[in-house]
């Protein structure tokens, strides 16, 4: 899976996974200073149950680490991932 970084405008950004012009997955956030407010995660029903949302979150977490950002979980998937694992502990805002 390869994710494309997108600027959505008004300090909003995303990593998107698409194929054949179809949006199959995305994670979006608003950047507030050095905090990524994680507000939405989507995985196409055809790709669910295969760990793809975690791959998307892990890719975004690595991006945050590289940039020196923290992450605030608002999206229910990110909230759940943050609560279930300590692998994102260093990123929590």
PDB file of N, CA and C in Angstrom:
ATOM      1  N   UNK A   1       0.835  -1.185   0.000  1.00  0.00           N
ATOM      2  CA  UNK A   1       0.000   0.000   0.000  1.00  0.00           C
ATOM      3  C   UNK A   1       0.871   1.235   0.000  1.00  0.00           C
ATOM      4  N   UNK A   2       0.617   2.137  -0.919  1.00  0.00           N
ATOM      5  CA  UNK A   2       1.360   3.387  -0.978  1.00  0.00           C
ATOM      6  C   UNK A   2       0.387   4.535  -0.755  1.00  0.00           C
ATOM      7  N   UNK A   3       0.762   5.430   0.151  1.00  0.00           N
ATOM      8  CA  UNK A   3      -0.117   6.529   0.525  1.00  0.00           C
ATOM      9  C   UNK A   3       0.381   7.835  -0.069  1.00  0.00           C
ATOM     10  N   UNK A   4      -0.558   8.647  -0.513  1.00  0.00           N
ATOM     11  CA  UNK A   4      -0.238   9.945  -1.097  1.00  0.00           C
ATOM     12  C   UNK A   4      -0.578  11.039  -0.094  1.00  0.00           C
ATOM     13  N   UNK A   5       0.365  11.929   0.138  1.00  0.00           N
ATOM     14  CA  UNK A   5       0.162  13.077   1.021  1.00  0.00           C
ATOM     15  C   UNK A   5      -0.616  14.136   0.259  1.00  0.00           C
ATOM     16  N   UNK A   6      -1.648  14.688   0.896  1.00  0.00           N
ATOM     17  CA  UNK A   6      -2.452  15.724   0.248  1.00  0.00           C
ATOM     18  C   UNK A   6      -2.680  16.894   1.194  1.00  0.00           C
ATOM     19  N   UNK A   7      -2.553  18.087   0.644  1.00  0.00           N
ATOM     20  CA  UNK A   7      -2.953  19.297   1.366  1.00  0.00           C
ATOM     21  C   UNK A   7      -4.394  19.578   0.979  1.00  0.00           C
ATOM     22  N   UNK A   8      -5.268  19.671   1.970  1.00  0.00           N
ATOM     23  CA  UNK A   8      -6.688  19.874   1.717  1.00  0.00           C
ATOM     24  C   UNK A   8      -7.104  21.330   1.859  1.00  0.00           C
ATOM     25  N   UNK A   9      -6.208  22.166   2.340  1.00  0.00           N
ATOM     26  CA  UNK A   9      -6.495  23.585   2.550  1.00  0.00           C
ATOM     27  C   UNK A   9      -6.905  23.873   3.981  1.00  0.00           C
ATOM     28  N   UNK A  10      -6.723  25.114   4.403  1.00  0.00           N
ATOM     29  CA  UNK A  10      -7.090  25.563   5.748  1.00  0.00           C
ATOM     30  C   UNK A  10      -6.451  24.696   6.828  1.00  0.00           C
ATOM     31  N   UNK A  11      -5.149  24.409   6.691  1.00  0.00           N
ATOM     32  CA  UNK A  11      -4.382  23.616   7.649  1.00  0.00           C
ATOM     33  C   UNK A  11      -4.886  22.188   7.787  1.00  0.00           C
ATOM     34  N   UNK A  12      -5.600  21.681   6.779  1.00  0.00           N
ATOM     35  CA  UNK A  12      -6.081  20.302   6.775  1.00  0.00           C
ATOM     36  C   UNK A  12      -5.251  19.482   5.781  1.00  0.00           C
ATOM     37  N   UNK A  13      -4.932  18.255   6.188  1.00  0.00           N
ATOM     38  CA  UNK A  13      -4.057  17.388   5.399  1.00  0.00           C
ATOM     39  C   UNK A  13      -4.578  15.957   5.450  1.00  0.00           C
ATOM     40  N   UNK A  14      -4.039  15.118   4.575  1.00  0.00           N
ATOM     41  CA  UNK A  14      -4.453  13.718   4.537  1.00  0.00           C
ATOM     42  C   UNK A  14      -3.369  12.853   3.924  1.00  0.00           C
ATOM     43  N   UNK A  15      -3.407  11.588   4.283  1.00  0.00           N
ATOM     44  CA  UNK A  15      -2.745  10.544   3.524  1.00  0.00           C
ATOM     45  C   UNK A  15      -3.876   9.735   2.906  1.00  0.00           C
ATOM     46  N   UNK A  16      -3.783   9.512   1.610  1.00  0.00           N
ATOM     47  CA  UNK A  16      -4.853   8.863   0.859  1.00  0.00           C
ATOM     48  C   UNK A  16      -4.292   7.637   0.144  1.00  0.00           C
ATOM     49  N   UNK A  17      -5.088   6.578   0.121  1.00  0.00           N
ATOM     50  CA  UNK A  17      -4.766   5.411  -0.681  1.00  0.00           C
ATOM     51  C   UNK A  17      -5.838   5.272  -1.745  1.00  0.00           C
ATOM     52  N   UNK A  18      -5.422   5.290  -2.981  1.00  0.00           N
ATOM     53  CA  UNK A  18      -6.360   5.157  -4.084  1.00  0.00           C
ATOM     54  C   UNK A  18      -5.848   4.204  -5.139  1.00  0.00           C
ATOM     55  N   UNK A  19      -6.772   3.702  -5.912  1.00  0.00           N
ATOM     56  CA  UNK A  19      -6.416   2.801  -6.998  1.00  0.00           C
ATOM     57  C   UNK A  19      -7.447   2.967  -8.098  1.00  0.00           C
ATOM     58  N   UNK A  20      -6.961   3.101  -9.334  1.00  0.00           N
ATOM     59  CA  UNK A  20      -7.845   3.266 -10.485  1.00  0.00           C
ATOM     60  C   UNK A  20      -8.834   4.421 -10.301  1.00  0.00           C
ATOM     61  N   UNK A  21      -8.329   5.518  -9.706  1.00  0.00           N
ATOM     62  CA  UNK A  21      -9.154   6.704  -9.519  1.00  0.00           C
ATOM     63  C   UNK A  21     -10.173   6.605  -8.396  1.00  0.00           C
ATOM     64  N   UNK A  22     -10.107   5.541  -7.626  1.00  0.00           N
ATOM     65  CA  UNK A  22     -11.074   5.332  -6.545  1.00  0.00           C
ATOM     66  C   UNK A  22     -10.394   5.524  -5.192  1.00  0.00           C
ATOM     67  N   UNK A  23     -11.039   6.283  -4.287  1.00  0.00           N
ATOM     68  CA  UNK A  23     -10.524   6.487  -2.942  1.00  0.00           C
ATOM     69  C   UNK A  23     -10.838   5.242  -2.107  1.00  0.00           C
ATOM     70  N   UNK A  24      -9.785   4.525  -1.710  1.00  0.00           N
ATOM     71  CA  UNK A  24      -9.973   3.290  -0.949  1.00  0.00           C
ATOM     72  C   UNK A  24      -9.627   3.446   0.527  1.00  0.00           C
ATOM     73  N   UNK A  25      -8.980   4.536   0.870  1.00  0.00           N
ATOM     74  CA  UNK A  25      -8.643   4.773   2.265  1.00  0.00           C
ATOM     75  C   UNK A  25      -8.046   6.146   2.458  1.00  0.00           C
ATOM     76  N   UNK A  26      -8.276   6.694   3.652  1.00  0.00           N
ATOM     77  CA  UNK A  26      -7.682   7.993   3.963  1.00  0.00           C
ATOM     78  C   UNK A  26      -7.689   8.220   5.458  1.00  0.00           C
ATOM     79  N   UNK A  27      -6.749   9.042   5.885  1.00  0.00           N
ATOM     80  CA  UNK A  27      -6.720   9.530   7.250  1.00  0.00           C
ATOM     81  C   UNK A  27      -6.471  11.029   7.155  1.00  0.00           C
ATOM     82  N   UNK A  28      -7.260  11.815   7.876  1.00  0.00           N
ATOM     83  CA  UNK A  28      -7.165  13.272   7.758  1.00  0.00           C
ATOM     84  C   UNK A  28      -6.904  13.901   9.123  1.00  0.00           C
ATOM     85  N   UNK A  29      -6.307  15.085   9.070  1.00  0.00           N
ATOM     86  CA  UNK A  29      -6.035  15.832  10.284  1.00  0.00           C
ATOM     87  C   UNK A  29      -5.969  17.313   9.977  1.00  0.00           C
ATOM     88  N   UNK A  30      -6.125  18.084  11.037  1.00  0.00           N
ATOM     89  CA  UNK A  30      -5.911  19.525  10.998  1.00  0.00           C
ATOM     90  C   UNK A  30      -4.662  19.796  11.829  1.00  0.00           C
ATOM     91  N   UNK A  31      -3.758  20.574  11.284  1.00  0.00           N
ATOM     92  CA  UNK A  31      -2.528  20.898  11.986  1.00  0.00           C
ATOM     93  C   UNK A  31      -2.734  22.179  12.785  1.00  0.00           C
ATOM     94  N   UNK A  32      -2.574  22.059  14.092  1.00  0.00           N
ATOM     95  CA  UNK A  32      -2.701  23.208  14.995  1.00  0.00           C
ATOM     96  C   UNK A  32      -1.362  23.354  15.707  1.00  0.00           C
ATOM     97  N   UNK A  33      -0.530  24.258  15.180  1.00  0.00           N
ATOM     98  CA  UNK A  33       0.832  24.396  15.706  1.00  0.00           C
ATOM     99  C   UNK A  33       1.612  23.154  15.358  1.00  0.00           C
ATOM    100  N   UNK A  34       2.057  22.430  16.391  1.00  0.00           N
ATOM    101  CA  UNK A  34       2.777  21.177  16.150  1.00  0.00           C
ATOM    102  C   UNK A  34       1.950  19.954  16.545  1.00  0.00           C
ATOM    103  N   UNK A  35       0.615  20.132  16.579  1.00  0.00           N
ATOM    104  CA  UNK A  35      -0.291  19.033  16.935  1.00  0.00           C
ATOM    105  C   UNK A  35      -1.185  18.686  15.750  1.00  0.00           C
ATOM    106  N   UNK A  36      -1.155  17.424  15.377  1.00  0.00           N
ATOM    107  CA  UNK A  36      -2.035  16.905  14.332  1.00  0.00           C
ATOM    108  C   UNK A  36      -3.320  16.429  15.010  1.00  0.00           C
ATOM    109  N   UNK A  37      -4.415  17.126  14.763  1.00  0.00           N
ATOM    110  CA  UNK A  37      -5.705  16.734  15.336  1.00  0.00           C
ATOM    111  C   UNK A  37      -6.333  15.730  14.368  1.00  0.00           C
ATOM    112  N   UNK A  38      -6.237  14.459  14.725  1.00  0.00           N
ATOM    113  CA  UNK A  38      -6.655  13.352  13.863  1.00  0.00           C
ATOM    114  C   UNK A  38      -8.176  13.237  13.908  1.00  0.00           C
ATOM    115  N   UNK A  39      -8.827  13.614  12.777  1.00  0.00           N
ATOM    116  CA  UNK A  39     -10.281  13.750  12.824  1.00  0.00           C
ATOM    117  C   UNK A  39     -11.067  12.761  11.966  1.00  0.00           C
ATOM    118  N   UNK A  40     -10.396  11.954  11.131  1.00  0.00           N
ATOM    119  CA  UNK A  40     -11.172  11.057  10.265  1.00  0.00           C
ATOM    120  C   UNK A  40     -10.289   9.940   9.720  1.00  0.00           C
ATOM    121  N   UNK A  41     -10.801   8.731   9.748  1.00  0.00           N
ATOM    122  CA  UNK A  41     -10.148   7.587   9.111  1.00  0.00           C
ATOM    123  C   UNK A  41     -11.211   6.839   8.316  1.00  0.00           C
ATOM    124  N   UNK A  42     -10.877   6.500   7.078  1.00  0.00           N
ATOM    125  CA  UNK A  42     -11.804   5.752   6.224  1.00  0.00           C
ATOM    126  C   UNK A  42     -11.044   4.649   5.511  1.00  0.00           C
ATOM    127  N   UNK A  43     -11.629   3.463   5.491  1.00  0.00           N
ATOM    128  CA  UNK A  43     -11.134   2.341   4.692  1.00  0.00           C
ATOM    129  C   UNK A  43     -12.330   1.776   3.946  1.00  0.00           C
ATOM    130  N   UNK A  44     -12.170   1.574   2.656  1.00  0.00           N
ATOM    131  CA  UNK A  44     -13.232   1.002   1.828  1.00  0.00           C
ATOM    132  C   UNK A  44     -13.683  -0.341   2.407  1.00  0.00           C
ATOM    133  N   UNK A  45     -14.976  -0.628   2.348  1.00  0.00           N
ATOM    134  CA  UNK A  45     -15.463  -1.925   2.838  1.00  0.00           C
ATOM    135  C   UNK A  45     -14.722  -3.112   2.212  1.00  0.00           C
ATOM    136  N   UNK A  46     -14.244  -2.966   0.984  1.00  0.00           N
ATOM    137  CA  UNK A  46     -13.533  -4.071   0.332  1.00  0.00           C
ATOM    138  C   UNK A  46     -12.161  -4.336   0.938  1.00  0.00           C
ATOM    139  N   UNK A  47     -11.638  -3.380   1.726  1.00  0.00           N
ATOM    140  CA  UNK A  47     -10.306  -3.520   2.318  1.00  0.00           C
ATOM    141  C   UNK A  47     -10.336  -3.644   3.839  1.00  0.00           C
ATOM    142  N   UNK A  48     -11.504  -3.631   4.431  1.00  0.00           N
ATOM    143  CA  UNK A  48     -11.608  -3.696   5.894  1.00  0.00           C
ATOM    144  C   UNK A  48     -11.262  -5.093   6.401  1.00  0.00           C
ATOM    145  N   UNK A  49     -10.817  -5.130   7.656  1.00  0.00           N
ATOM    146  CA  UNK A  49     -10.496  -6.394   8.291  1.00  0.00           C
ATOM    147  C   UNK A  49      -9.148  -6.967   7.883  1.00  0.00           C
ATOM    148  N   UNK A  50      -8.333  -6.170   7.208  1.00  0.00           N
ATOM    149  CA  UNK A  50      -7.026  -6.630   6.734  1.00  0.00           C
ATOM    150  C   UNK A  50      -5.874  -5.825   7.336  1.00  0.00           C
ATOM    151  N   UNK A  51      -6.179  -5.013   8.331  1.00  0.00           N
ATOM    152  CA  UNK A  51      -5.143  -4.206   8.976  1.00  0.00           C
ATOM    153  C   UNK A  51      -4.771  -2.944   8.230  1.00  0.00           C
ATOM    154  N   UNK A  52      -5.583  -2.550   7.257  1.00  0.00           N
ATOM    155  CA  UNK A  52      -5.232  -1.380   6.444  1.00  0.00           C
ATOM    156  C   UNK A  52      -5.388  -0.054   7.183  1.00  0.00           C
ATOM    157  N   UNK A  53      -6.345   0.052   8.079  1.00  0.00           N
ATOM    158  CA  UNK A  53      -6.473   1.288   8.861  1.00  0.00           C
ATOM    159  C   UNK A  53      -5.235   1.467   9.744  1.00  0.00           C
ATOM    160  N   UNK A  54      -4.736   0.380  10.313  1.00  0.00           N
ATOM    161  CA  UNK A  54      -3.525   0.457  11.131  1.00  0.00           C
ATOM    162  C   UNK A  54      -2.325   0.854  10.278  1.00  0.00           C
ATOM    163  N   UNK A  55      -2.226   0.312   9.070  1.00  0.00           N
ATOM    164  CA  UNK A  55      -1.133   0.697   8.169  1.00  0.00           C
ATOM    165  C   UNK A  55      -1.176   2.199   7.889  1.00  0.00           C
ATOM    166  N   UNK A  56      -2.379   2.717   7.690  1.00  0.00           N
ATOM    167  CA  UNK A  56      -2.557   4.141   7.436  1.00  0.00           C
ATOM    168  C   UNK A  56      -2.151   4.954   8.657  1.00  0.00           C
ATOM    169  N   UNK A  57      -2.594   4.529   9.835  1.00  0.00           N
ATOM    170  CA  UNK A  57      -2.230   5.227  11.066  1.00  0.00           C
ATOM    171  C   UNK A  57      -0.726   5.129  11.322  1.00  0.00           C
ATOM    172  N   UNK A  58      -0.142   3.958  11.113  1.00  0.00           N
ATOM    173  CA  UNK A  58       1.303   3.803  11.336  1.00  0.00           C
ATOM    174  C   UNK A  58       2.107   4.703  10.403  1.00  0.00           C
ATOM    175  N   UNK A  59       1.676   4.807   9.155  1.00  0.00           N
ATOM    176  CA  UNK A  59       2.352   5.683   8.199  1.00  0.00           C
ATOM    177  C   UNK A  59       2.262   7.144   8.668  1.00  0.00           C
ATOM    178  N   UNK A  60       1.109   7.529   9.141  1.00  0.00           N
ATOM    179  CA  UNK A  60       0.902   8.898   9.626  1.00  0.00           C
ATOM    180  C   UNK A  60       1.699   9.148  10.900  1.00  0.00           C
ATOM    181  N   UNK A  61       1.779   8.145  11.762  1.00  0.00           N
ATOM    182  CA  UNK A  61       2.559   8.272  12.995  1.00  0.00           C
ATOM    183  C   UNK A  61       4.042   8.473  12.669  1.00  0.00           C
ATOM    184  N   UNK A  62       4.541   7.748  11.694  1.00  0.00           N
ATOM    185  CA  UNK A  62       5.941   7.913  11.285  1.00  0.00           C
ATOM    186  C   UNK A  62       6.176   9.314  10.730  1.00  0.00           C
ATOM    187  N   UNK A  63       5.240   9.816   9.962  1.00  0.00           N
ATOM    188  CA  UNK A  63       5.307  11.185   9.440  1.00  0.00           C
ATOM    189  C   UNK A  63       5.375  12.178  10.608  1.00  0.00           C
ATOM    190  N   UNK A  64       4.518  11.988  11.613  1.00  0.00           N
ATOM    191  CA  UNK A  64       4.501  12.872  12.780  1.00  0.00           C
ATOM    192  C   UNK A  64       5.840  12.841  13.507  1.00  0.00           C
ATOM    193  N   UNK A  65       6.391  11.666  13.673  1.00  0.00           N
ATOM    194  CA  UNK A  65       7.696  11.546  14.344  1.00  0.00           C
ATOM    195  C   UNK A  65       8.793  12.275  13.553  1.00  0.00           C
ATOM    196  N   UNK A  66       8.785  12.095  12.246  1.00  0.00           N
ATOM    197  CA  UNK A  66       9.784  12.755  11.407  1.00  0.00           C
ATOM    198  C   UNK A  66       9.693  14.279  11.494  1.00  0.00           C
ATOM    199  N   UNK A  67       8.475  14.789  11.604  1.00  0.00           N
ATOM    200  CA  UNK A  67       8.252  16.237  11.651  1.00  0.00           C
ATOM    201  C   UNK A  67       8.327  16.811  13.062  1.00  0.00           C
ATOM    202  N   UNK A  68       8.363  15.951  14.075  1.00  0.00           N
ATOM    203  CA  UNK A  68       8.373  16.420  15.460  1.00  0.00           C
ATOM    204  C   UNK A  68       6.997  16.845  15.943  1.00  0.00           C
ATOM    205  N   UNK A  69       5.947  16.297  15.338  1.00  0.00           N
ATOM    206  CA  UNK A  69       4.573  16.626  15.712  1.00  0.00           C
ATOM    207  C   UNK A  69       4.052  15.670  16.780  1.00  0.00           C
ATOM    208  N   UNK A  70       3.031  16.110  17.473  1.00  0.00           N
ATOM    209  CA  UNK A  70       2.239  15.279  18.370  1.00  0.00           C
ATOM    210  C   UNK A  70       0.906  15.013  17.684  1.00  0.00           C
ATOM    211  N   UNK A  71       0.151  14.061  18.208  1.00  0.00           N
ATOM    212  CA  UNK A  71      -1.145  13.722  17.627  1.00  0.00           C
ATOM    213  C   UNK A  71      -2.225  13.752  18.717  1.00  0.00           C
ATOM    214  N   UNK A  72      -3.327  14.398  18.391  1.00  0.00           N
ATOM    215  CA  UNK A  72      -4.495  14.397  19.274  1.00  0.00           C
ATOM    216  C   UNK A  72      -5.566  13.539  18.610  1.00  0.00           C
ATOM    217  N   UNK A  73      -5.983  12.496  19.301  1.00  0.00           N
ATOM    218  CA  UNK A  73      -6.963  11.560  18.747  1.00  0.00           C
ATOM    219  C   UNK A  73      -8.380  12.094  18.943  1.00  0.00           C
ATOM    220  N   UNK A  74      -9.073  12.348  17.826  1.00  0.00           N
ATOM    221  CA  UNK A  74     -10.475  12.753  17.847  1.00  0.00           C
ATOM    222  C   UNK A  74     -11.310  11.686  17.131  1.00  0.00           C
ATOM    223  N   UNK A  75     -10.814  11.213  16.006  1.00  0.00           N
ATOM    224  CA  UNK A  75     -11.453  10.157  15.235  1.00  0.00           C
ATOM    225  C   UNK A  75     -11.573   8.896  16.100  1.00  0.00           C
ATOM    226  N   UNK A  76     -12.708   8.216  16.027  1.00  0.00           N
ATOM    227  CA  UNK A  76     -12.938   7.045  16.878  1.00  0.00           C
ATOM    228  C   UNK A  76     -11.905   5.941  16.648  1.00  0.00           C
ATOM    229  N   UNK A  77     -11.460   5.749  15.413  1.00  0.00           N
ATOM    230  CA  UNK A  77     -10.458   4.716  15.165  1.00  0.00           C
ATOM    231  C   UNK A  77      -9.137   5.061  15.852  1.00  0.00           C
ATOM    232  N   UNK A  78      -8.705   6.301  15.732  1.00  0.00           N
ATOM    233  CA  UNK A  78      -7.431   6.711  16.336  1.00  0.00           C
ATOM    234  C   UNK A  78      -7.535   6.679  17.861  1.00  0.00           C
ATOM    235  N   UNK A  79      -8.666   7.105  18.404  1.00  0.00           N
ATOM    236  CA  UNK A  79      -8.882   7.027  19.853  1.00  0.00           C
ATOM    237  C   UNK A  79      -8.721   5.581  20.315  1.00  0.00           C
ATOM    238  N   UNK A  80      -9.373   4.661  19.617  1.00  0.00           N
ATOM    239  CA  UNK A  80      -9.299   3.244  19.965  1.00  0.00           C
ATOM    240  C   UNK A  80      -7.876   2.711  19.858  1.00  0.00           C
ATOM    241  N   UNK A  81      -7.178   3.049  18.777  1.00  0.00           N
ATOM    242  CA  UNK A  81      -5.797   2.588  18.582  1.00  0.00           C
ATOM    243  C   UNK A  81      -4.891   3.123  19.685  1.00  0.00           C
ATOM    244  N   UNK A  82      -5.062   4.370  20.060  1.00  0.00           N
ATOM    245  CA  UNK A  82      -4.255   4.970  21.121  1.00  0.00           C
ATOM    246  C   UNK A  82      -4.529   4.283  22.459  1.00  0.00           C
ATOM    247  N   UNK A  83      -5.779   3.903  22.700  1.00  0.00           N
ATOM    248  CA  UNK A  83      -6.149   3.260  23.965  1.00  0.00           C
ATOM    249  C   UNK A  83      -5.704   1.800  24.034  1.00  0.00           C
ATOM    250  N   UNK A  84      -5.602   1.143  22.898  1.00  0.00           N
ATOM    251  CA  UNK A  84      -5.289  -0.282  22.875  1.00  0.00           C
ATOM    252  C   UNK A  84      -3.796  -0.592  22.834  1.00  0.00           C
ATOM    253  N   UNK A  85      -2.980   0.386  22.511  1.00  0.00           N
ATOM    254  CA  UNK A  85      -1.559   0.119  22.349  1.00  0.00           C
ATOM    255  C   UNK A  85      -0.734   1.286  22.865  1.00  0.00           C
ATOM    256  N   UNK A  86       0.440   0.968  23.392  1.00  0.00           N
ATOM    257  CA  UNK A  86       1.327   2.039  23.843  1.00  0.00           C
ATOM    258  C   UNK A  86       2.347   2.423  22.773  1.00  0.00           C
ATOM    259  N   UNK A  87       2.223   1.869  21.565  1.00  0.00           N
ATOM    260  CA  UNK A  87       3.197   2.181  20.506  1.00  0.00           C
ATOM    261  C   UNK A  87       3.092   3.623  20.012  1.00  0.00           C
ATOM    262  N   UNK A  88       2.013   4.307  20.374  1.00  0.00           N
ATOM    263  CA  UNK A  88       1.843   5.708  19.959  1.00  0.00           C
ATOM    264  C   UNK A  88       2.027   6.668  21.145  1.00  0.00           C
ATOM    265  N   UNK A  89       2.461   6.138  22.279  1.00  0.00           N
ATOM    266  CA  UNK A  89       2.559   6.922  23.502  1.00  0.00           C
ATOM    267  C   UNK A  89       3.388   8.190  23.322  1.00  0.00           C
ATOM    268  N   UNK A  90       4.466   8.100  22.544  1.00  0.00           N
ATOM    269  CA  UNK A  90       5.345   9.249  22.333  1.00  0.00           C
ATOM    270  C   UNK A  90       4.705  10.352  21.494  1.00  0.00           C
ATOM    271  N   UNK A  91       3.580  10.051  20.850  1.00  0.00           N
ATOM    272  CA  UNK A  91       2.938  11.013  19.968  1.00  0.00           C
ATOM    273  C   UNK A  91       1.732  11.715  20.596  1.00  0.00           C
ATOM    274  N   UNK A  92       1.265  11.223  21.711  1.00  0.00           N
ATOM    275  CA  UNK A  92       0.052  11.768  22.293  1.00  0.00           C
ATOM    276  C   UNK A  92       0.253  13.213  22.746  1.00  0.00           C
ATOM    277  N   UNK A  93      -0.699  14.053  22.338  1.00  0.00           N
ATOM    278  CA  UNK A  93      -0.636  15.478  22.702  1.00  0.00           C
ATOM    279  C   UNK A  93      -1.234  15.683  24.083  1.00  0.00           C
TER     280      UNK A  93
END
